[in-house]
Amino acid sequence: MPDLPFIARARSFADRIAFRTPEVSHTYQQLLDRSSQIAVELLQDQSELQEARVALLVAPGFEYTASQWAIWRAGGMKLPICLSATESEWEYALTDSQVGVVIADASNAPKIASLCQKIGVRLVNVSGINGNAVKALPDIDVNRRAMILYTSGTTSKPKGVVTTHANIQAQIESLVQAWEWSAEDRIPMFLPLHHIHGIINITGCALWSGAVVEPFARFEMNAILERVRDDAYTLFMAVPTIYVKLIQALEAACESDRAAIVAGFKKMRLMVSGSAALPASVHQQWTALTGQELLERYGMTEIGMAISNLYRGERRPGSVGAPLPGVEVRLKAENGPVITAEDEPGEIQVRGATVFQAYWNRPEATAETFEDGWFRTGDMAVLERGYYRIMGRLSVDIIKSGGYKLSALEIEAALLEHPLIAECAVIGLPDDTWGEAVTAAVVLKSSTLELAALREWCKGRLSVYKIPQRLKVVTELPRNAMGKVTKPAVKALF
């Protein structure tokens, strides 16, 4: 049986740079050699891992990906865990997925050592693996299970999303085709590598294409902007919060610095925003500052990316675009029928090779989330002039008030145009009269804001039933590791 496809492709890029930092660069051949070395250590006296779960607690970069490839080449299932999670969060993920081995680097191994000892899990310090051990690695079929990613768990305990090698390959190939990746591309990687955005959209696509990845431990703005100034990148992918921070930094910079950095952004061939809704106002501000039209897309842990604005075509603010290559999308009304007309809201359902296999050890949850082979995303959208516009999660972003279904995201986009509002989150709270009352939590740029003044400002901008009925001014909005506002936590503020 031939190599897994990502290994075969890496061999064709053997002498090219895969990872580059200010201190050192590593080629694809070094990545192959190092992953083989780590795989041998994982196998010990076994011929293959037989889909045993191996957790990964390694800083982003060469060693992370070498460890990931090692797990796959040895026949294991990768479980990436958050570097900054609490011990109880680690314990839940490790015990729920029945992990047998944890791979950690020198800085993270001491942090998880006591937990590994407590639950009887083998800890491998990747920083200590050396030597030239040689062992034939097993042949792995692409239809075998490759990875478990845990969902955020906002409504229940996090569920493990199981994807096969074939799923991962389909997710990567769809984006490589749609966004025209090539071996000449160069991209920074500063997003967490326990989320699909960093694993698939950035690192996966880059290494599939023979491109160069520059890893950062976190979003280190000054260092990243220096590299942008140096024309280091052809692509850039971030979450909306990061674009907001970049706008603030550019506006605060002196004219010469701003001009040099903006010139670097202008030369990039593609800039993408995802993992949360991009407010149209941020989209427009970024274009005005840099000349770049951000490409917004839609996806989730269970399906990879499903919908995207066009690389060569319209990038419409407030919309996520059209289905990606190899992905089928439909809208389904709450009362059952499939929606075929535009301007009628329904739940996004997705089908195709990119869709995950199952939730780990949760057959009932898996069955509930599929309908006739279509994955039910739980997100509401409407099709407008050929592009999908996300209305929000059925559970937290769709507000049922006075008989209307209101999109919290649409109301948030309008409120962000208020001169005093820096950030906002809109939710529905129980109300005897309306069913749910439109409620806004806002972070102000300065001064104060009263509900009456906000409601007056909203007139003519929002339909009367979309105008907030309650208001709370906060110093910051609760966010998860990806910078996404967590609506259940917002509700707790009231």
Protein backbone atom coordinates (compact mmCIF):
# COMPACT_ATOMS: atom_id res chain seq x y z
CA MET A 1 0.00 0.00 0.00
CA PRO A 2 1.39 3.47 -0.86
CA ASP A 3 2.09 6.25 1.65
CA LEU A 4 -0.75 8.31 3.05
CA PRO A 5 -1.29 11.10 0.48
CA PHE A 6 0.14 13.88 2.67
CA ILE A 7 3.38 11.89 3.07
CA ALA A 8 3.62 11.23 -0.67
CA ARG A 9 3.12 14.93 -1.39
CA ALA A 10 5.71 15.93 1.20
CA ARG A 11 8.27 13.73 -0.53
CA SER A 12 7.72 15.70 -3.74
CA PHE A 13 8.57 18.92 -1.85
CA ALA A 14 11.52 17.37 0.02
CA ASP A 15 14.02 20.22 -0.38
CA ARG A 16 11.55 23.06 0.10
CA ILE A 17 11.15 24.94 3.40
CA ALA A 18 8.12 23.77 5.39
CA PHE A 19 8.57 25.82 8.60
CA ARG A 20 10.53 29.00 9.11
CA THR A 21 11.25 30.99 12.28
CA PRO A 22 13.78 33.78 12.91
CA GLU A 23 16.12 31.15 14.37
CA VAL A 24 15.81 28.15 12.06
CA SER A 25 14.15 26.70 8.96
CA HIS A 26 13.07 23.09 8.43
CA THR A 27 12.52 21.36 5.09
CA TYR A 28 9.81 18.90 4.17
CA GLN A 29 12.45 16.15 4.22
CA GLN A 30 13.36 17.05 7.79
CA LEU A 31 9.67 16.94 8.65
CA LEU A 32 9.40 13.45 7.15
CA ASP A 33 12.55 12.26 8.96
CA ARG A 34 11.50 13.70 12.31
CA SER A 35 7.97 12.30 12.07
CA SER A 36 9.42 8.86 11.30
CA GLN A 37 11.70 9.12 14.33
CA ILE A 38 8.79 10.06 16.64
CA ALA A 39 6.59 7.32 15.13
CA VAL A 40 9.19 4.70 16.00
CA GLU A 41 9.22 5.95 19.61
CA LEU A 42 5.42 5.77 19.76
CA LEU A 43 5.31 2.24 18.37
CA GLN A 44 7.96 0.73 20.67
CA ASP A 45 7.43 -3.00 20.11
CA GLN A 46 4.06 -2.69 18.33
CA SER A 47 3.64 -3.02 14.58
CA GLU A 48 1.00 -0.27 14.58
CA LEU A 49 -1.15 1.72 17.02
CA GLN A 50 -4.51 0.37 15.76
CA GLU A 51 -6.23 3.77 16.09
CA ALA A 52 -5.11 4.26 19.69
CA ARG A 53 -5.69 7.86 20.78
CA VAL A 54 -2.58 9.99 21.20
CA ALA A 55 -2.97 13.47 22.68
CA LEU A 56 -0.79 16.32 21.46
CA LEU A 57 0.36 19.13 23.78
CA VAL A 58 3.11 20.77 21.76
CA ALA A 59 3.73 24.41 20.83
CA PRO A 60 2.89 25.34 17.20
CA GLY A 61 5.61 24.70 14.66
CA PHE A 62 7.89 22.00 13.30
CA GLU A 63 7.73 19.67 16.32
CA TYR A 64 3.93 19.91 16.51
CA THR A 65 3.45 18.85 12.90
CA ALA A 66 6.20 16.20 13.08
CA SER A 67 4.37 14.74 16.08
CA GLN A 68 1.02 14.92 14.29
CA TRP A 69 2.42 13.13 11.26
CA ALA A 70 4.09 10.58 13.55
CA ILE A 71 0.78 9.70 15.17
CA TRP A 72 -0.82 9.17 11.77
CA ARG A 73 2.12 7.26 10.29
CA ALA A 74 2.09 4.93 13.30
CA GLY A 75 -1.64 4.26 12.88
CA GLY A 76 -2.92 6.35 15.78
CA MET A 77 -5.68 8.93 16.19
CA LYS A 78 -4.54 12.46 17.02
CA LEU A 79 -6.22 14.38 19.86
CA PRO A 80 -4.93 17.97 19.96
CA ILE A 81 -5.54 19.61 23.33
CA CYS A 82 -5.47 23.28 24.26
CA LEU A 83 -2.14 24.54 25.59
CA SER A 84 -3.88 26.90 28.02
CA ALA A 85 -6.69 24.62 29.21
CA THR A 86 -7.22 23.78 32.87
CA GLU A 87 -6.21 20.41 34.24
CA SER A 88 -9.88 19.41 34.59
CA GLU A 89 -10.45 20.23 30.90
CA TRP A 90 -7.43 18.13 29.95
CA GLU A 91 -8.64 15.29 32.15
CA TYR A 92 -12.08 15.32 30.54
CA ALA A 93 -10.65 15.14 27.01
CA LEU A 94 -8.10 12.44 27.88
CA THR A 95 -10.53 10.20 29.76
CA ASP A 96 -13.49 10.68 27.40
CA SER A 97 -11.38 9.76 24.36
CA GLN A 98 -9.55 7.00 26.27
CA VAL A 99 -6.12 8.35 25.42
CA GLY A 100 -3.19 5.98 25.94
CA VAL A 101 -0.30 8.35 25.21
CA VAL A 102 0.32 12.07 25.57
CA ILE A 103 3.05 13.72 23.45
CA ALA A 104 4.29 16.97 25.00
CA ASP A 105 7.30 19.19 24.46
CA ALA A 106 9.81 20.22 27.11
CA SER A 107 7.84 23.29 28.23
CA ASN A 108 4.48 21.50 28.45
CA ALA A 109 5.44 18.03 29.70
CA PRO A 110 5.86 19.15 33.34
CA LYS A 111 2.42 20.81 33.26
CA ILE A 112 0.60 17.58 32.41
CA ALA A 113 2.90 15.01 34.05
CA SER A 114 0.93 14.68 37.29
CA LEU A 115 -2.35 14.22 35.42
CA CYS A 116 -0.81 11.52 33.21
CA GLN A 117 0.39 9.73 36.32
CA LYS A 118 -3.02 10.11 37.98
CA ILE A 119 -4.98 8.55 35.11
CA GLY A 120 -2.30 6.06 34.03
CA VAL A 121 -1.36 7.54 30.67
CA ARG A 122 2.09 7.28 29.10
CA LEU A 123 3.81 10.66 28.70
CA VAL A 124 6.31 11.08 25.85
CA ASN A 125 8.51 14.17 25.94
CA VAL A 126 9.09 14.80 22.23
CA SER A 127 12.01 17.09 23.03
CA GLY A 128 13.90 14.06 24.36
CA ILE A 129 13.46 11.85 21.30
CA ASN A 130 16.69 11.52 19.35
CA GLY A 131 18.85 8.92 17.70
CA ASN A 132 18.51 7.11 14.40
CA ALA A 133 16.10 4.32 15.26
CA VAL A 134 14.83 2.67 12.08
CA LYS A 135 11.63 0.66 11.83
CA ALA A 136 9.23 -0.10 9.00
CA LEU A 137 6.09 1.99 9.50
CA PRO A 138 2.67 0.44 8.87
CA ASP A 139 0.52 0.99 5.80
CA ILE A 140 -2.50 3.13 6.75
CA ASP A 141 -5.72 3.19 4.76
CA VAL A 142 -7.20 6.65 4.12
CA ASN A 143 -10.59 5.49 5.40
CA ARG A 144 -9.24 4.89 8.88
CA ARG A 145 -9.97 7.31 11.70
CA ALA A 146 -7.32 10.01 12.07
CA MET A 147 -8.38 12.69 14.55
CA ILE A 148 -10.68 13.67 17.38
CA LEU A 149 -11.42 17.37 17.87
CA TYR A 150 -13.57 18.41 20.79
CA THR A 151 -16.37 20.91 20.27
CA SER A 152 -16.60 23.98 22.49
CA GLY A 153 -19.32 22.45 24.64
CA THR A 154 -21.39 25.62 25.08
CA THR A 155 -24.66 23.72 25.49
CA SER A 156 -23.40 20.43 26.98
CA LYS A 157 -20.21 18.53 27.66
CA PRO A 158 -17.80 18.81 24.70
CA LYS A 159 -18.23 16.07 22.11
CA GLY A 160 -15.34 14.44 20.26
CA VAL A 161 -15.64 14.92 16.50
CA VAL A 162 -14.05 11.97 14.68
CA THR A 163 -12.64 12.50 11.18
CA THR A 164 -10.91 10.01 8.89
CA HIS A 165 -7.82 10.62 6.78
CA ALA A 166 -10.16 10.80 3.78
CA ASN A 167 -12.29 13.48 5.50
CA ILE A 168 -9.21 15.57 6.24
CA GLN A 169 -7.90 15.16 2.70
CA ALA A 170 -11.27 16.24 1.24
CA GLN A 171 -11.38 19.30 3.49
CA ILE A 172 -7.88 20.34 2.44
CA GLU A 173 -8.33 19.64 -1.28
CA SER A 174 -11.55 21.67 -1.38
CA LEU A 175 -9.80 24.75 0.03
CA VAL A 176 -6.62 24.29 -2.00
CA GLN A 177 -8.74 24.31 -5.16
CA ALA A 178 -11.04 27.16 -4.12
CA TRP A 179 -8.30 29.45 -2.80
CA GLU A 180 -5.65 28.45 -5.35
CA TRP A 181 -2.89 27.45 -2.94
CA SER A 182 0.56 26.83 -4.43
CA ALA A 183 4.10 25.96 -3.35
CA GLU A 184 4.98 29.65 -3.66
CA ASP A 185 2.67 30.64 -0.80
CA ARG A 186 3.88 31.83 2.59
CA ILE A 187 1.60 32.23 5.61
CA PRO A 188 1.86 33.07 9.33
CA MET A 189 0.31 30.60 11.78
CA PHE A 190 -0.76 32.17 15.09
CA LEU A 191 -4.13 30.51 15.72
CA PRO A 192 -4.59 27.67 18.25
CA LEU A 193 -3.78 24.24 16.87
CA HIS A 194 -6.58 22.46 18.68
CA HIS A 195 -9.11 24.09 16.32
CA ILE A 196 -9.88 23.24 12.70
CA HIS A 197 -9.01 26.78 11.50
CA GLY A 198 -5.35 26.34 12.36
CA ILE A 199 -5.09 22.60 11.70
CA ILE A 200 -6.82 22.43 8.31
CA ASN A 201 -7.21 25.89 6.76
CA ILE A 202 -3.69 27.08 7.48
CA THR A 203 -1.21 24.31 8.31
CA GLY A 204 -2.98 21.51 6.43
CA CYS A 205 -3.48 23.47 3.20
CA ALA A 206 0.01 24.98 3.32
CA LEU A 207 1.82 21.67 3.79
CA TRP A 208 -0.36 19.91 1.21
CA SER A 209 0.76 22.58 -1.27
CA GLY A 210 4.48 22.72 -0.47
CA ALA A 211 4.14 26.22 1.00
CA VAL A 212 6.01 27.85 3.91
CA VAL A 213 4.49 28.25 7.39
CA GLU A 214 5.83 30.76 9.91
CA PRO A 215 4.59 29.67 13.35
CA PHE A 216 3.98 31.97 16.31
CA ALA A 217 3.18 30.89 19.86
CA ARG A 218 0.24 33.33 19.86
CA PHE A 219 -0.89 36.46 18.05
CA GLU A 220 2.29 38.50 18.56
CA MET A 221 1.16 41.68 16.84
CA ASN A 222 4.42 43.59 16.66
CA ALA A 223 6.44 40.64 15.37
CA ILE A 224 3.77 39.73 12.82
CA LEU A 225 3.43 43.32 11.58
CA GLU A 226 7.20 43.49 11.12
CA ARG A 227 7.03 40.42 8.90
CA VAL A 228 4.09 41.94 6.99
CA ARG A 229 6.23 45.05 6.45
CA ASP A 230 8.96 42.76 5.04
CA ASP A 231 6.56 41.23 2.46
CA ALA A 232 6.98 37.85 4.15
CA TYR A 233 3.48 36.53 3.38
CA THR A 234 1.22 35.85 0.44
CA LEU A 235 -1.74 34.73 2.56
CA PHE A 236 -3.13 35.80 5.92
CA MET A 237 -5.90 34.11 7.93
CA ALA A 238 -7.34 35.38 11.20
CA VAL A 239 -10.49 35.71 13.28
CA PRO A 240 -12.51 38.96 13.26
CA THR A 241 -11.17 40.04 16.67
CA ILE A 242 -7.64 40.07 15.27
CA TYR A 243 -8.68 42.25 12.33
CA VAL A 244 -10.27 44.68 14.80
CA LYS A 245 -6.99 44.83 16.75
CA LEU A 246 -5.01 45.31 13.53
CA ILE A 247 -7.27 48.19 12.49
CA GLN A 248 -6.73 49.83 15.88
CA ALA A 249 -2.95 49.34 15.59
CA LEU A 250 -2.80 50.77 12.06
CA GLU A 251 -4.92 53.76 13.00
CA ALA A 252 -2.67 54.46 16.00
CA ALA A 253 0.61 54.05 14.06
CA CYS A 254 2.58 57.00 12.72
CA GLU A 255 2.08 57.72 9.03
CA SER A 256 5.35 56.17 7.83
CA ASP A 257 4.88 52.94 9.80
CA ARG A 258 1.27 52.66 8.70
CA ALA A 259 2.21 53.14 5.05
CA ALA A 260 4.94 50.47 5.21
CA ILE A 261 2.69 47.90 6.89
CA VAL A 262 -0.27 48.64 4.64
CA ALA A 263 2.00 48.13 1.63
CA GLY A 264 2.79 44.63 2.94
CA PHE A 265 -0.90 43.78 3.36
CA LYS A 266 -1.72 45.13 -0.11
CA LYS A 267 0.76 42.75 -1.76
CA MET A 268 -0.85 39.62 -0.30
CA ARG A 269 -2.90 37.61 -2.74
CA LEU A 270 -5.53 36.53 -0.18
CA MET A 271 -6.72 37.51 3.29
CA VAL A 272 -9.37 35.36 5.01
CA SER A 273 -11.60 35.91 8.04
CA GLY A 274 -13.38 33.10 9.87
CA SER A 275 -14.37 31.26 13.08
CA ALA A 276 -16.89 34.01 13.88
CA ALA A 277 -19.09 36.41 11.96
CA LEU A 278 -17.19 39.31 10.42
CA PRO A 279 -19.15 42.56 10.92
CA ALA A 280 -19.69 44.36 7.61
CA SER A 281 -18.27 47.51 9.23
CA VAL A 282 -14.94 45.73 9.94
CA HIS A 283 -14.89 44.37 6.38
CA GLN A 284 -15.34 47.91 5.03
CA GLN A 285 -12.80 49.45 7.43
CA TRP A 286 -10.16 46.89 6.43
CA THR A 287 -10.71 47.53 2.73
CA ALA A 288 -10.53 51.29 3.26
CA LEU A 289 -7.25 50.93 5.19
CA THR A 290 -5.44 48.30 3.12
CA GLY A 291 -7.24 47.92 -0.18
CA GLN A 292 -7.74 44.23 0.65
CA GLU A 293 -11.23 42.72 0.51
CA LEU A 294 -11.39 40.08 3.22
CA LEU A 295 -12.71 36.70 2.12
CA GLU A 296 -15.23 35.39 4.64
CA ARG A 297 -16.09 31.71 4.79
CA TYR A 298 -18.23 29.36 6.88
CA GLY A 299 -17.38 26.06 8.47
CA MET A 300 -17.31 24.13 11.72
CA THR A 301 -15.48 21.30 13.44
CA GLU A 302 -17.78 18.62 12.05
CA ILE A 303 -17.58 19.61 8.38
CA GLY A 304 -14.41 21.59 7.80
CA MET A 305 -15.20 24.53 5.53
CA ALA A 306 -18.46 24.35 3.58
CA ILE A 307 -19.17 27.80 2.13
CA SER A 308 -16.88 30.58 0.97
CA ASN A 309 -16.91 33.92 -0.79
CA LEU A 310 -15.19 33.63 -4.14
CA TYR A 311 -11.44 33.93 -4.54
CA ARG A 312 -12.01 35.27 -8.04
CA GLY A 313 -15.32 37.07 -7.75
CA GLU A 314 -17.48 39.03 -5.37
CA ARG A 315 -16.60 39.14 -1.68
CA ARG A 316 -19.82 40.42 -0.22
CA PRO A 317 -19.70 41.97 3.28
CA GLY A 318 -22.08 40.18 5.64
CA SER A 319 -22.26 37.02 3.50
CA VAL A 320 -20.26 33.80 3.59
CA GLY A 321 -20.64 33.01 -0.10
CA ALA A 322 -21.42 29.82 -2.02
CA PRO A 323 -20.68 26.11 -1.44
CA LEU A 324 -17.04 25.07 -1.78
CA PRO A 325 -15.91 22.41 -4.29
CA GLY A 326 -17.15 18.94 -3.36
CA VAL A 327 -19.63 20.26 -0.76
CA GLU A 328 -23.43 20.12 -1.02
CA VAL A 329 -25.47 22.64 0.98
CA ARG A 330 -29.21 23.00 1.48
CA LEU A 331 -31.54 24.98 3.75
CA LYS A 332 -34.28 23.19 5.66
CA ALA A 333 -37.28 24.94 7.19
CA GLU A 334 -38.17 24.35 10.81
CA ASN A 335 -41.42 22.69 9.81
CA GLY A 336 -39.70 20.26 7.46
CA PRO A 337 -39.55 21.15 3.77
CA VAL A 338 -36.32 21.86 1.92
CA ILE A 339 -36.15 25.53 0.93
CA THR A 340 -35.62 26.12 -2.79
CA ALA A 341 -36.40 29.84 -3.00
CA GLU A 342 -34.17 32.73 -1.98
CA ASP A 343 -34.86 35.04 0.98
CA GLU A 344 -36.41 32.27 3.10
CA PRO A 345 -34.45 31.38 6.28
CA GLY A 346 -33.66 27.79 7.17
CA GLU A 347 -31.14 25.55 8.87
CA ILE A 348 -27.91 24.91 6.96
CA GLN A 349 -27.45 21.23 6.19
CA VAL A 350 -24.30 19.84 4.58
CA ARG A 351 -23.37 16.64 2.73
CA GLY A 352 -20.12 15.44 1.17
CA ALA A 353 -16.73 13.82 1.71
CA THR A 354 -15.67 16.59 4.09
CA VAL A 355 -18.31 15.71 6.71
CA PHE A 356 -17.09 13.95 9.86
CA GLN A 357 -17.67 10.29 10.60
CA ALA A 358 -19.24 10.34 14.07
CA TYR A 359 -19.15 11.79 17.58
CA TRP A 360 -16.80 9.73 19.72
CA ASN A 361 -18.76 7.09 21.67
CA ARG A 362 -22.02 9.03 21.20
CA PRO A 363 -24.13 7.10 18.69
CA GLU A 364 -27.37 8.81 19.75
CA ALA A 365 -25.90 12.30 19.32
CA THR A 366 -24.51 11.24 15.94
CA ALA A 367 -27.87 9.92 14.78
CA GLU A 368 -29.67 13.07 15.95
CA THR A 369 -27.39 15.37 14.00
CA PHE A 370 -27.87 13.65 10.63
CA GLU A 371 -31.02 13.73 8.53
CA ASP A 372 -31.11 11.47 5.46
CA GLY A 373 -27.32 11.71 5.17
CA TRP A 374 -27.25 15.50 5.63
CA PHE A 375 -25.44 16.97 8.64
CA ARG A 376 -27.61 19.42 10.58
CA THR A 377 -25.35 22.34 11.49
CA GLY A 378 -27.74 24.09 13.89
CA ASP A 379 -27.00 27.35 12.06
CA MET A 380 -29.71 29.44 10.44
CA ALA A 381 -29.07 31.16 7.10
CA VAL A 382 -30.81 32.77 4.15
CA LEU A 383 -29.82 32.65 0.48
CA GLU A 384 -29.61 36.11 -1.07
CA ARG A 385 -28.62 36.60 -4.73
CA GLY A 386 -26.73 33.31 -4.76
CA TYR A 387 -24.80 33.89 -1.50
CA TYR A 388 -25.59 32.57 1.96
CA ARG A 389 -25.91 34.98 4.85
CA ILE A 390 -25.63 33.48 8.34
CA MET A 391 -28.38 34.50 10.76
CA GLY A 392 -26.82 32.70 13.71
CA ARG A 393 -27.09 29.61 15.84
CA LEU A 394 -30.60 28.24 16.20
CA SER A 395 -29.98 27.98 19.95
CA VAL A 396 -28.40 31.34 20.82
CA ASP A 397 -28.34 33.66 17.81
CA ILE A 398 -31.95 33.31 16.66
CA ILE A 399 -34.17 35.42 18.90
CA LYS A 400 -37.88 34.64 18.83
CA SER A 401 -39.54 37.91 19.78
CA GLY A 402 -43.16 38.93 19.15
CA GLY A 403 -43.65 36.15 16.63
CA TYR A 404 -40.56 37.08 14.60
CA LYS A 405 -37.31 35.16 14.17
CA LEU A 406 -34.56 37.74 14.52
CA SER A 407 -30.86 37.35 13.72
CA ALA A 408 -28.69 38.48 16.60
CA LEU A 409 -25.78 38.83 14.15
CA GLU A 410 -27.74 41.27 11.98
CA ILE A 411 -28.59 43.43 15.00
CA GLU A 412 -24.97 43.32 16.19
CA ALA A 413 -23.77 44.51 12.78
CA ALA A 414 -26.10 47.50 13.00
CA LEU A 415 -25.11 48.39 16.57
CA LEU A 416 -21.41 48.34 15.65
CA GLU A 417 -22.08 51.38 13.46
CA HIS A 418 -22.95 53.40 16.58
CA PRO A 419 -20.14 55.92 17.20
CA LEU A 420 -19.79 54.95 20.88
CA ILE A 421 -19.91 51.15 20.54
CA ALA A 422 -16.60 49.30 20.18
CA GLU A 423 -17.95 45.75 20.61
CA CYS A 424 -21.33 44.20 21.25
CA ALA A 425 -23.18 40.93 21.72
CA VAL A 426 -26.92 40.55 21.22
CA ILE A 427 -28.93 37.77 22.86
CA GLY A 428 -32.54 36.96 23.65
CA LEU A 429 -33.66 36.88 27.26
CA PRO A 430 -36.97 35.41 28.49
CA ASP A 431 -39.77 37.97 28.48
CA ASP A 432 -43.43 37.52 29.44
CA THR A 433 -44.67 39.87 26.73
CA TRP A 434 -42.37 39.19 23.81
CA GLY A 435 -41.27 35.61 24.48
CA GLU A 436 -37.69 36.83 24.20
CA ALA A 437 -36.47 40.39 24.59
CA VAL A 438 -33.73 41.67 22.31
CA THR A 439 -30.85 42.36 24.71
CA ALA A 440 -27.48 43.97 24.03
CA ALA A 441 -24.22 43.87 25.99
CA VAL A 442 -21.87 46.57 24.72
CA VAL A 443 -18.28 47.68 25.24
CA LEU A 444 -17.99 51.44 24.74
CA LYS A 445 -15.21 53.44 23.13
CA SER A 446 -15.79 56.28 25.58
CA SER A 447 -18.49 58.16 27.48
CA THR A 448 -21.73 56.48 28.55
CA LEU A 449 -24.76 55.11 26.76
CA GLU A 450 -28.33 54.79 28.02
CA LEU A 451 -30.98 52.45 26.64
CA ALA A 452 -33.30 55.31 25.65
CA ALA A 453 -30.57 57.01 23.62
CA LEU A 454 -29.62 53.74 21.94
CA ARG A 455 -33.22 52.98 21.03
CA GLU A 456 -33.62 56.45 19.54
CA TRP A 457 -30.45 56.01 17.48
CA CYS A 458 -31.70 52.63 16.20
CA LYS A 459 -34.87 54.14 14.71
CA GLY A 460 -34.63 54.11 10.95
CA ARG A 461 -31.67 51.73 11.11
CA LEU A 462 -33.42 48.68 12.52
CA SER A 463 -37.02 47.51 12.26
CA VAL A 464 -38.90 48.33 15.44
CA TYR A 465 -39.00 44.71 16.62
CA LYS A 466 -35.18 44.44 16.28
CA ILE A 467 -34.40 47.45 18.49
CA PRO A 468 -32.84 46.36 21.83
CA GLN A 469 -35.23 46.29 24.75
CA ARG A 470 -32.50 45.84 27.34
CA LEU A 471 -28.92 47.11 27.57
CA LYS A 472 -25.87 46.42 29.69
CA VAL A 473 -22.56 48.25 29.40
CA VAL A 474 -19.57 45.97 30.16
CA THR A 475 -15.79 46.40 30.12
CA GLU A 476 -15.23 43.25 28.04
CA LEU A 477 -17.19 40.47 26.40
CA PRO A 478 -16.56 36.82 27.39
CA ARG A 479 -14.65 34.95 24.66
CA ASN A 480 -13.29 31.49 24.02
CA ALA A 481 -9.75 30.57 22.94
CA MET A 482 -10.49 31.52 19.34
CA GLY A 483 -11.63 35.00 20.35
CA LYS A 484 -15.27 34.17 19.67
CA VAL A 485 -17.87 35.73 21.97
CA THR A 486 -19.59 33.01 24.00
CA LYS A 487 -23.28 33.83 24.12
CA PRO A 488 -24.17 31.61 27.11
CA ALA A 489 -21.56 33.53 29.12
CA VAL A 490 -23.05 36.81 27.89
CA LYS A 491 -26.45 35.71 29.21
CA ALA A 492 -24.85 35.17 32.60
CA LEU A 493 -23.94 38.87 32.69
CA PHE A 494 -27.58 39.86 33.04
